[in-house]
Protein backbone atom coordinates (compact mmCIF):
# COMPACT_ATOMS: atom_id res chain seq x y z
CA UNK A 1 151.80 -83.44 -70.61
CA UNK A 2 150.34 -86.83 -69.68
CA UNK A 3 150.10 -89.62 -72.22
CA UNK A 4 147.02 -91.76 -72.72
CA UNK A 5 148.63 -94.65 -70.83
CA UNK A 6 149.45 -92.40 -67.86
CA UNK A 7 145.83 -91.24 -67.71
CA UNK A 8 144.63 -94.86 -67.71
CA UNK A 9 147.17 -95.80 -65.02
CA UNK A 10 145.91 -92.92 -62.85
CA UNK A 11 142.32 -94.20 -63.21
CA UNK A 12 143.46 -97.71 -62.26
CA UNK A 13 145.17 -96.35 -59.12
CA UNK A 14 141.86 -94.80 -58.01
CA UNK A 15 140.28 -98.25 -58.33
CA UNK A 16 143.00 -99.81 -56.18
CA UNK A 17 141.91 -97.63 -53.28
CA UNK A 18 139.12 -100.12 -52.50
CA UNK A 19 136.24 -98.97 -54.67
CA UNK A 20 134.19 -101.06 -57.08
CA UNK A 21 134.20 -98.37 -59.76
CA UNK A 22 135.64 -94.91 -60.29
CA UNK A 23 133.51 -91.80 -60.58
CA UNK A 24 134.65 -88.47 -61.99
CA UNK A 25 134.39 -86.91 -58.53
CA UNK A 26 136.61 -89.62 -56.99
CA UNK A 27 139.15 -89.22 -59.79
CA UNK A 28 139.42 -85.45 -59.31
CA UNK A 29 139.56 -85.66 -55.48
CA UNK A 30 142.19 -88.39 -55.36
CA UNK A 31 144.46 -87.25 -58.18
CA UNK A 32 144.04 -83.50 -58.13
CA UNK A 33 143.95 -83.59 -61.94
CA UNK A 34 141.32 -81.89 -64.03
CA UNK A 35 138.96 -83.77 -66.28
CA UNK A 36 140.48 -81.93 -69.26
CA UNK A 37 143.40 -84.36 -69.16
CA UNK A 38 141.02 -87.28 -69.71
CA UNK A 39 139.02 -85.44 -72.36
CA UNK A 40 142.19 -84.82 -74.33
CA UNK A 41 142.12 -88.53 -75.27
CA UNK A 42 138.50 -89.55 -74.67
CA UNK A 43 135.19 -87.90 -75.49
CA UNK A 44 133.42 -89.63 -72.58
CA UNK A 45 134.54 -90.50 -69.06
CA UNK A 46 133.09 -94.01 -69.27
CA UNK A 47 135.17 -94.75 -72.39
CA UNK A 48 138.32 -93.94 -70.42
CA UNK A 49 137.16 -96.15 -67.53
CA UNK A 50 136.46 -99.06 -69.92
CA UNK A 51 139.91 -98.69 -71.54
CA UNK A 52 141.42 -98.79 -68.06
CA UNK A 53 139.82 -102.23 -67.68
CA UNK A 54 137.17 -101.17 -65.16
CA UNK A 55 133.39 -101.17 -65.13
CA UNK A 56 131.88 -97.68 -65.48
CA UNK A 57 129.10 -96.29 -63.31
CA UNK A 58 125.63 -95.69 -64.76
CA UNK A 59 123.84 -92.33 -64.70
CA UNK A 60 122.74 -92.59 -61.05
CA UNK A 61 126.20 -93.60 -59.83
CA UNK A 62 125.54 -97.33 -59.55
CA UNK A 63 127.68 -100.09 -60.97
CA UNK A 64 125.37 -101.77 -63.50
CA UNK A 65 124.67 -105.43 -62.82
CA UNK A 66 125.49 -107.74 -65.74
CA UNK A 67 122.42 -109.53 -67.12
CA UNK A 68 123.77 -113.00 -66.20
CA UNK A 69 124.22 -111.93 -62.58
CA UNK A 70 120.78 -110.28 -62.55
CA UNK A 71 119.17 -113.47 -63.92
CA UNK A 72 120.83 -115.56 -61.22
CA UNK A 73 119.65 -113.26 -58.41
CA UNK A 74 116.09 -113.08 -59.74
CA UNK A 75 115.87 -116.87 -60.08
CA UNK A 76 117.08 -117.30 -56.49
CA UNK A 77 114.47 -114.78 -55.34
CA UNK A 78 111.48 -116.49 -57.00
CA UNK A 79 112.65 -119.96 -55.89
CA UNK A 80 112.95 -118.72 -52.30
CA UNK A 81 109.43 -117.29 -52.55
CA UNK A 82 108.05 -120.60 -53.90
CA UNK A 83 109.84 -122.55 -51.17
CA UNK A 84 108.47 -120.31 -48.41
CA UNK A 85 104.94 -120.67 -49.79
CA UNK A 86 105.38 -124.39 -50.46
CA UNK A 87 104.24 -124.21 -54.08
CA UNK A 88 105.53 -124.64 -57.61
CA UNK A 89 102.86 -122.32 -59.04
CA UNK A 90 103.63 -118.63 -58.59
CA UNK A 91 101.21 -115.76 -59.14
CA UNK A 92 102.79 -112.43 -60.15
CA UNK A 93 100.69 -110.29 -57.79
CA UNK A 94 101.52 -112.43 -54.75
CA UNK A 95 105.18 -112.53 -55.66
CA UNK A 96 105.34 -108.77 -56.14
CA UNK A 97 103.54 -108.09 -52.83
CA UNK A 98 105.81 -110.32 -50.74
CA UNK A 99 109.09 -109.98 -52.69
CA UNK A 100 109.25 -106.41 -54.05
CA UNK A 101 110.89 -106.69 -57.47
CA UNK A 102 110.94 -104.24 -60.34
CA UNK A 103 109.05 -105.51 -63.37
CA UNK A 104 111.75 -103.92 -65.54
CA UNK A 105 114.39 -106.20 -64.04
CA UNK A 106 112.36 -109.25 -65.06
CA UNK A 107 111.74 -107.83 -68.54
CA UNK A 108 115.41 -106.98 -68.98
CA UNK A 109 116.65 -110.39 -67.88
CA UNK A 110 113.94 -112.73 -69.22
CA UNK A 111 111.52 -110.82 -71.43
CA UNK A 112 108.29 -112.13 -69.88
CA UNK A 113 106.94 -113.40 -66.57
CA UNK A 114 106.37 -116.87 -68.06
CA UNK A 115 109.95 -117.09 -69.33
CA UNK A 116 111.15 -116.04 -65.87
CA UNK A 117 109.20 -118.83 -64.19
CA UNK A 118 110.34 -121.42 -66.76
CA UNK A 119 113.97 -120.45 -66.14
CA UNK A 120 113.40 -121.00 -62.40
CA UNK A 121 111.68 -124.35 -63.01
CA UNK A 122 108.28 -123.08 -61.80
CA UNK A 123 104.80 -122.57 -63.25
CA UNK A 124 102.58 -119.53 -63.40
CA UNK A 125 98.96 -119.33 -62.31
CA UNK A 126 97.33 -118.89 -65.72
CA UNK A 127 93.82 -120.15 -64.83
CA UNK A 128 92.79 -116.80 -63.42
CA UNK A 129 94.06 -114.92 -66.47
CA UNK A 130 92.29 -117.31 -68.88
CA UNK A 131 89.00 -117.03 -66.96
CA UNK A 132 89.14 -113.24 -67.13
CA UNK A 133 89.94 -113.28 -70.87
CA UNK A 134 87.10 -115.73 -71.64
CA UNK A 135 84.58 -113.73 -69.62
CA UNK A 136 85.54 -110.41 -71.22
CA UNK A 137 86.18 -111.58 -74.75
CA UNK A 138 85.33 -108.84 -77.23
CA UNK A 139 84.59 -106.22 -74.57
CA UNK A 140 86.59 -103.18 -73.63
CA UNK A 141 87.91 -102.94 -70.08
CA UNK A 142 85.64 -100.61 -68.12
CA UNK A 143 86.83 -98.61 -65.17
CA UNK A 144 85.01 -99.24 -61.89
CA UNK A 145 83.69 -95.67 -61.78
CA UNK A 146 82.22 -95.95 -65.29
CA UNK A 147 80.63 -99.30 -64.47
CA UNK A 148 78.87 -97.81 -61.41
CA UNK A 149 77.53 -94.89 -63.48
CA UNK A 150 76.19 -97.21 -66.15
CA UNK A 151 74.21 -99.30 -63.61
CA UNK A 152 72.27 -96.24 -62.34
């Protein structure tokens, strides 16, 4: 019967074989042990991996990026975009078209687009947004199809 420390040491050995993180499949293939040995001490695989001092994989099998690292990469990306375009004012649509970036990443790391730009030392193009809001104040957004029908 393996002890808890022996289970953790086995997980650490899988990591030493050159991988960034250890999946259940890798553990079973490399050790030949069943998952029941891990579940004797831990309810969840990721808890065992954390106790072994490693970073667990997320649901899709990726190593999750820490928020600080994500923030750094996103800031570099928007600064590179601004430098290529030769501007300090960045519009979200242009940025998204030329530098595909998930909106969720920005929300997770910064909360809002404006906070993202402030962290990078840039400005957003708010004139267009303000003009639209002033023009449509108190009206509901109308789909293009509905607007065409109403004109007829």
